[in-house]
Amino acid sequence: MRLASFNVNSVRKRVPHLRRFLQANAPDFVFLQELKCRTEEFPAAEFTDLGYVAHAVGQPGGRNGVAVLARLPFEVVAEALPGESADEHARYIEIAAEGARLAGIYLPNGNSGGEEGFAYKLRWMERLRILAAERLDSFTPFAILGDFNVCPTGLDFPPGSMPPTDALVRPESRAAFNALLHLGLTDALRALHPGERLYTYWDYGPAFESNRGLRIDHALLSPELAERLASAQVDLATRAQEQPSDHAPVVVDLN
C-alpha cells in the first residue's frame, strides 16, 4: 500500500501538479492539505479519469482545508478532530481503508494570532495525542499523515535559520510532537533516513535551489503499520516544477 501526503497550497491552482504526481507515483491514498477552497469547490472531477475518488473538507474564506484522493475503497469516519466543539477549522479527515484508520491533518502553524494562536496549536496537538492514544490502545492499525508545522529536531531545518521563538521549533511544539512518538508511533521518514537533512517545505524564491528548507510534513505509523514500512521518500520532482506548491509530497510504501 502506498500512502502520500501533499500540502498543495491551493488545490485549484495545483491540479496539473497533482495529476502529474498521481500519474508518476500512483499512491493508493494521498492526503491533501491547504486546499484553500470550499468543499463544493474541490475539483474532484479532475482526477476521476486517473481512477481516484475524492472526499474534501473545505472551509469558507479560502483558508485551510483537507482532502483524500483514493484509488481503493474507503469510508470516511471523521471530518473534524474531536475535543473542541468550537473549532471550525477544516484541518482533519480520517478514513477506514484496507483494515486501517488513516488520518490526514493540517496542524495549526501557531505563529499567527499571538499567544492564543500558539495555545490553539498546542491544544490541537493534545487533542491529536488523545485520539492517537485511543487508536493505539485498541490496537487499530493507524497512520497520521500531513503538514504538522513542526520541525522535530535540529536536522529538520538549516542551522541558524529558525529563531527559537518560532512556533515550528519552540520546545512546547517539539514536546507535543514527541508525545505522539512516545505513544508508539513511528516517524516514517526519520526511521529510514535517521541522519539525513530531509526537507519537505521551501519558501518561494531561491530557497529550493539552495536547499534551505524545513521538514514539517510527516507520516506517523502505528506499530502494526511501521513493521510493514518499506520506503519513505520526499518527492522533490514535484517541488521542482514550474509554479509549484511550496511543499513537496511525502510518499510512504507499506508491504
Protein backbone atom coordinates (compact mmCIF):
# COMPACT_ATOMS: atom_id res chain seq x y z
CA MET A 1 0.00 0.00 0.00
CA ARG A 2 1.34 3.39 -0.97
CA LEU A 3 0.39 6.41 1.15
CA ALA A 4 1.20 10.04 0.46
CA SER A 5 0.78 13.49 1.93
CA PHE A 6 0.86 16.72 -0.08
CA ASN A 7 0.26 20.30 1.05
CA VAL A 8 -0.89 21.69 -2.30
CA ASN A 9 -1.15 25.36 -1.24
CA SER A 10 -4.38 25.92 -3.23
CA VAL A 11 -5.68 22.77 -4.88
CA ARG A 12 -7.35 24.50 -7.83
CA LYS A 13 -4.02 26.07 -8.81
CA ARG A 14 -2.17 22.78 -8.46
CA VAL A 15 -4.42 20.46 -10.47
CA PRO A 16 -1.72 19.90 -13.14
CA HIS A 17 0.93 19.27 -10.48
CA LEU A 18 -1.35 16.88 -8.61
CA ARG A 19 -2.27 14.99 -11.76
CA ARG A 20 1.39 14.57 -12.66
CA PHE A 21 2.15 13.41 -9.12
CA LEU A 22 -0.63 10.81 -9.26
CA GLN A 23 0.48 9.56 -12.65
CA ALA A 24 4.15 9.32 -11.65
CA ASN A 25 3.69 7.81 -8.17
CA ALA A 26 0.30 6.02 -8.22
CA PRO A 27 -0.41 6.32 -4.47
CA ASP A 28 -3.34 4.32 -3.17
CA PHE A 29 -4.25 7.16 -0.81
CA VAL A 30 -2.98 10.73 -0.85
CA PHE A 31 -3.95 13.22 1.84
CA LEU A 32 -4.01 16.86 0.81
CA GLN A 33 -3.71 19.99 2.93
CA GLU A 34 -4.26 23.72 2.47
CA LEU A 35 -6.95 23.33 -0.16
CA LYS A 36 -7.96 27.00 0.09
CA CYS A 37 -11.45 26.29 -1.19
CA ARG A 38 -14.93 25.42 -0.03
CA THR A 39 -15.88 21.74 0.00
CA GLU A 40 -18.10 22.12 -3.08
CA GLU A 41 -15.28 23.87 -4.97
CA PHE A 42 -12.86 20.94 -4.74
CA PRO A 43 -12.01 19.82 -8.32
CA ALA A 44 -12.80 16.13 -7.78
CA ALA A 45 -13.74 15.57 -11.43
CA GLU A 46 -10.17 16.40 -12.48
CA PHE A 47 -8.93 13.11 -11.05
CA THR A 48 -11.63 10.58 -11.90
CA ASP A 49 -10.05 9.62 -15.22
CA LEU A 50 -6.96 8.61 -13.25
CA GLY A 51 -9.05 6.29 -11.09
CA TYR A 52 -9.28 8.45 -7.98
CA VAL A 53 -12.27 9.19 -5.79
CA ALA A 54 -12.08 12.33 -3.67
CA HIS A 55 -13.50 13.44 -0.36
CA ALA A 56 -12.79 17.01 0.68
CA VAL A 57 -13.37 19.02 3.84
CA GLY A 58 -13.18 22.65 2.79
CA GLN A 59 -13.64 25.91 4.61
CA PRO A 60 -15.14 29.27 3.62
CA GLY A 61 -12.81 32.18 3.21
CA GLY A 62 -10.03 30.45 1.30
CA ARG A 63 -8.27 29.03 4.34
CA ASN A 64 -7.14 25.58 5.46
CA GLY A 65 -8.94 22.54 4.03
CA VAL A 66 -8.03 18.86 3.82
CA ALA A 67 -8.94 16.03 1.46
CA VAL A 68 -8.18 12.48 0.47
CA LEU A 69 -7.81 11.07 -3.03
CA ALA A 70 -8.06 7.28 -3.20
CA ARG A 71 -7.98 4.57 -5.81
CA LEU A 72 -9.03 1.90 -3.29
CA PRO A 73 -12.35 1.72 -1.39
CA PHE A 74 -12.60 3.75 1.81
CA GLU A 75 -15.12 5.04 4.33
CA VAL A 76 -14.91 8.50 5.84
CA VAL A 77 -15.16 8.18 9.63
CA ALA A 78 -14.36 11.77 10.72
CA GLU A 79 -14.23 15.25 9.20
CA ALA A 80 -13.02 17.00 12.35
CA LEU A 81 -10.67 16.30 15.21
CA PRO A 82 -12.64 15.64 18.41
CA GLY A 83 -12.18 17.61 21.59
CA GLU A 84 -13.06 21.24 20.86
CA SER A 85 -16.57 21.81 19.55
CA ALA A 86 -15.95 25.50 18.79
CA ASP A 87 -13.09 24.69 16.43
CA GLU A 88 -14.46 25.18 12.90
CA HIS A 89 -11.16 24.95 11.05
CA ALA A 90 -11.01 22.31 8.29
CA ARG A 91 -7.88 20.52 9.45
CA TYR A 92 -8.70 16.82 9.89
CA ILE A 93 -10.04 13.90 7.90
CA GLU A 94 -9.97 10.23 8.87
CA ILE A 95 -10.87 7.22 6.77
CA ALA A 96 -11.17 3.48 7.26
CA ALA A 97 -9.48 1.52 4.49
CA GLU A 98 -7.53 -1.69 3.98
CA GLY A 99 -8.09 -2.71 7.60
CA ALA A 100 -6.57 0.52 8.96
CA ARG A 101 -7.52 4.01 10.07
CA LEU A 102 -5.73 6.70 8.08
CA ALA A 103 -5.85 10.33 9.14
CA GLY A 104 -4.86 13.41 7.18
CA ILE A 105 -4.08 16.58 9.13
CA TYR A 106 -3.21 20.23 8.64
CA LEU A 107 -1.88 21.18 12.04
CA PRO A 108 -2.06 24.86 13.05
CA ASN A 109 1.09 26.86 12.35
CA GLY A 110 1.00 28.69 15.68
CA ASN A 111 2.89 31.79 14.55
CA SER A 112 -0.18 33.93 13.90
CA GLY A 113 -2.65 35.17 16.48
CA GLY A 114 -0.09 35.81 19.17
CA GLU A 115 0.00 33.56 22.23
CA GLU A 116 -3.61 32.47 21.68
CA GLY A 117 -2.65 31.25 18.23
CA PHE A 118 0.18 29.23 19.75
CA ALA A 119 -2.09 27.96 22.53
CA TYR A 120 -4.55 26.75 19.86
CA LYS A 121 -1.73 24.83 18.19
CA LEU A 122 -0.84 23.10 21.44
CA ARG A 123 -4.49 22.30 22.23
CA TRP A 124 -4.87 20.83 18.77
CA MET A 125 -1.80 18.66 19.26
CA GLU A 126 -3.07 17.44 22.62
CA ARG A 127 -6.40 16.53 21.04
CA LEU A 128 -4.49 14.61 18.37
CA ARG A 129 -2.46 12.82 21.04
CA ILE A 130 -5.63 11.75 22.85
CA LEU A 131 -7.16 10.40 19.65
CA ALA A 132 -3.95 8.60 18.67
CA ALA A 133 -3.76 7.02 22.12
CA GLU A 134 -7.30 5.70 21.71
CA ARG A 135 -6.46 4.19 18.33
CA LEU A 136 -3.28 2.58 19.63
CA ASP A 137 -4.93 1.30 22.80
CA SER A 138 -7.45 -0.55 20.63
CA PHE A 139 -4.60 -2.00 18.52
CA THR A 140 -6.07 -0.39 15.42
CA PRO A 141 -3.54 -0.04 12.58
CA PHE A 142 -3.30 3.74 12.36
CA ALA A 143 -1.41 6.38 10.41
CA ILE A 144 -1.33 10.17 10.60
CA LEU A 145 -0.10 11.98 7.51
CA GLY A 146 0.06 15.66 6.79
CA ASP A 147 1.53 19.05 7.46
CA PHE A 148 2.37 19.06 11.18
CA ASN A 149 4.01 22.50 11.14
CA VAL A 150 6.69 21.16 13.49
CA CYS A 151 10.42 20.66 12.92
CA PRO A 152 11.04 17.88 15.46
CA THR A 153 14.84 18.04 15.58
CA GLY A 154 17.80 20.16 14.54
CA LEU A 155 18.14 18.03 11.42
CA ASP A 156 14.82 19.35 10.16
CA PHE A 157 15.96 22.88 9.30
CA PRO A 158 19.26 24.52 8.31
CA PRO A 159 21.41 25.51 11.29
CA GLY A 160 20.71 29.05 12.40
CA SER A 161 17.75 29.55 10.08
CA MET A 162 14.99 29.49 12.72
CA PRO A 163 14.73 31.67 15.81
CA PRO A 164 13.92 29.68 18.96
CA THR A 165 10.68 31.66 19.31
CA ASP A 166 9.25 30.29 16.05
CA ALA A 167 6.25 28.05 16.76
CA LEU A 168 7.66 25.35 14.48
CA VAL A 169 10.65 24.80 16.76
CA ARG A 170 9.51 26.02 20.18
CA PRO A 171 10.16 23.43 22.90
CA GLU A 172 6.43 23.06 23.56
CA SER A 173 5.75 22.17 19.91
CA ARG A 174 8.54 19.63 19.85
CA ALA A 175 7.42 18.13 23.15
CA ALA A 176 3.89 17.71 21.78
CA PHE A 177 5.26 16.01 18.66
CA ASN A 178 7.46 13.74 20.78
CA ALA A 179 4.42 12.85 22.88
CA LEU A 180 2.97 11.26 19.75
CA LEU A 181 6.14 9.24 19.24
CA HIS A 182 6.16 8.22 22.89
CA LEU A 183 2.76 6.60 22.35
CA GLY A 184 4.45 4.21 19.94
CA LEU A 185 4.06 5.98 16.61
CA THR A 186 6.98 5.85 14.17
CA ASP A 187 8.18 8.83 12.14
CA ALA A 188 8.47 7.02 8.79
CA LEU A 189 10.92 9.38 7.08
CA ARG A 190 13.23 9.64 10.07
CA ALA A 191 13.10 5.88 10.71
CA LEU A 192 14.57 5.14 7.28
CA HIS A 193 16.74 8.27 6.98
CA PRO A 194 17.99 8.75 10.55
CA GLY A 195 20.88 11.11 9.86
CA GLU A 196 19.81 12.96 6.72
CA ARG A 197 18.72 16.56 6.34
CA LEU A 198 15.45 15.94 4.54
CA TYR A 199 13.16 18.87 3.86
CA THR A 200 9.53 18.94 2.70
CA TYR A 201 8.97 22.71 2.51
CA TRP A 202 10.93 25.53 0.90
CA ASP A 203 9.86 29.16 0.79
CA TYR A 204 9.39 30.66 -2.66
CA GLY A 205 12.47 32.28 -4.16
CA PRO A 206 15.97 30.74 -4.03
CA ALA A 207 15.30 28.51 -1.02
CA PHE A 208 14.62 25.35 -3.05
CA GLU A 209 17.66 25.76 -5.30
CA SER A 210 19.88 26.34 -2.27
CA ASN A 211 18.08 23.60 -0.31
CA ARG A 212 17.25 25.78 2.67
CA GLY A 213 14.01 24.20 3.71
CA LEU A 214 12.09 22.68 6.59
CA ARG A 215 10.86 19.17 7.36
CA ILE A 216 7.34 19.82 8.59
CA ASP A 217 5.34 17.21 6.63
CA HIS A 218 5.34 13.85 8.36
CA ALA A 219 3.91 10.35 8.25
CA LEU A 220 3.48 8.68 11.64
CA LEU A 221 2.71 4.96 11.76
CA SER A 222 1.36 2.68 14.45
CA PRO A 223 3.43 -0.42 15.27
CA GLU A 224 1.25 -2.60 13.04
CA LEU A 225 1.99 -0.38 10.04
CA ALA A 226 5.56 0.51 11.00
CA GLU A 227 6.60 -3.13 10.81
CA ARG A 228 5.41 -3.07 7.18
CA LEU A 229 7.40 0.08 6.32
CA ALA A 230 9.37 -0.49 3.11
CA SER A 231 10.28 3.03 1.97
CA ALA A 232 9.67 6.69 2.73
CA GLN A 233 10.73 9.48 0.40
CA VAL A 234 10.25 13.16 -0.37
CA ASP A 235 9.13 13.71 -3.97
CA LEU A 236 11.46 16.54 -4.97
CA ALA A 237 10.43 16.33 -8.63
CA THR A 238 7.00 17.76 -7.85
CA ARG A 239 8.50 20.72 -5.99
CA ALA A 240 10.93 21.37 -8.88
CA GLN A 241 8.15 22.00 -11.41
CA GLU A 242 7.08 25.45 -12.55
CA GLN A 243 4.65 27.31 -10.28
CA PRO A 244 4.70 24.56 -7.63
CA SER A 245 3.36 24.36 -4.14
CA ASP A 246 5.94 25.39 -1.57
CA HIS A 247 5.73 21.84 -0.18
CA ALA A 248 6.86 18.54 -1.67
CA PRO A 249 4.84 15.33 -1.27
CA VAL A 250 5.90 12.65 1.18
CA VAL A 251 5.44 9.09 -0.13
CA VAL A 252 5.42 6.01 2.11
CA ASP A 253 5.30 2.38 0.97
CA LEU A 254 3.99 -0.41 3.20
CA ASN A 255 4.45 -4.09 2.36
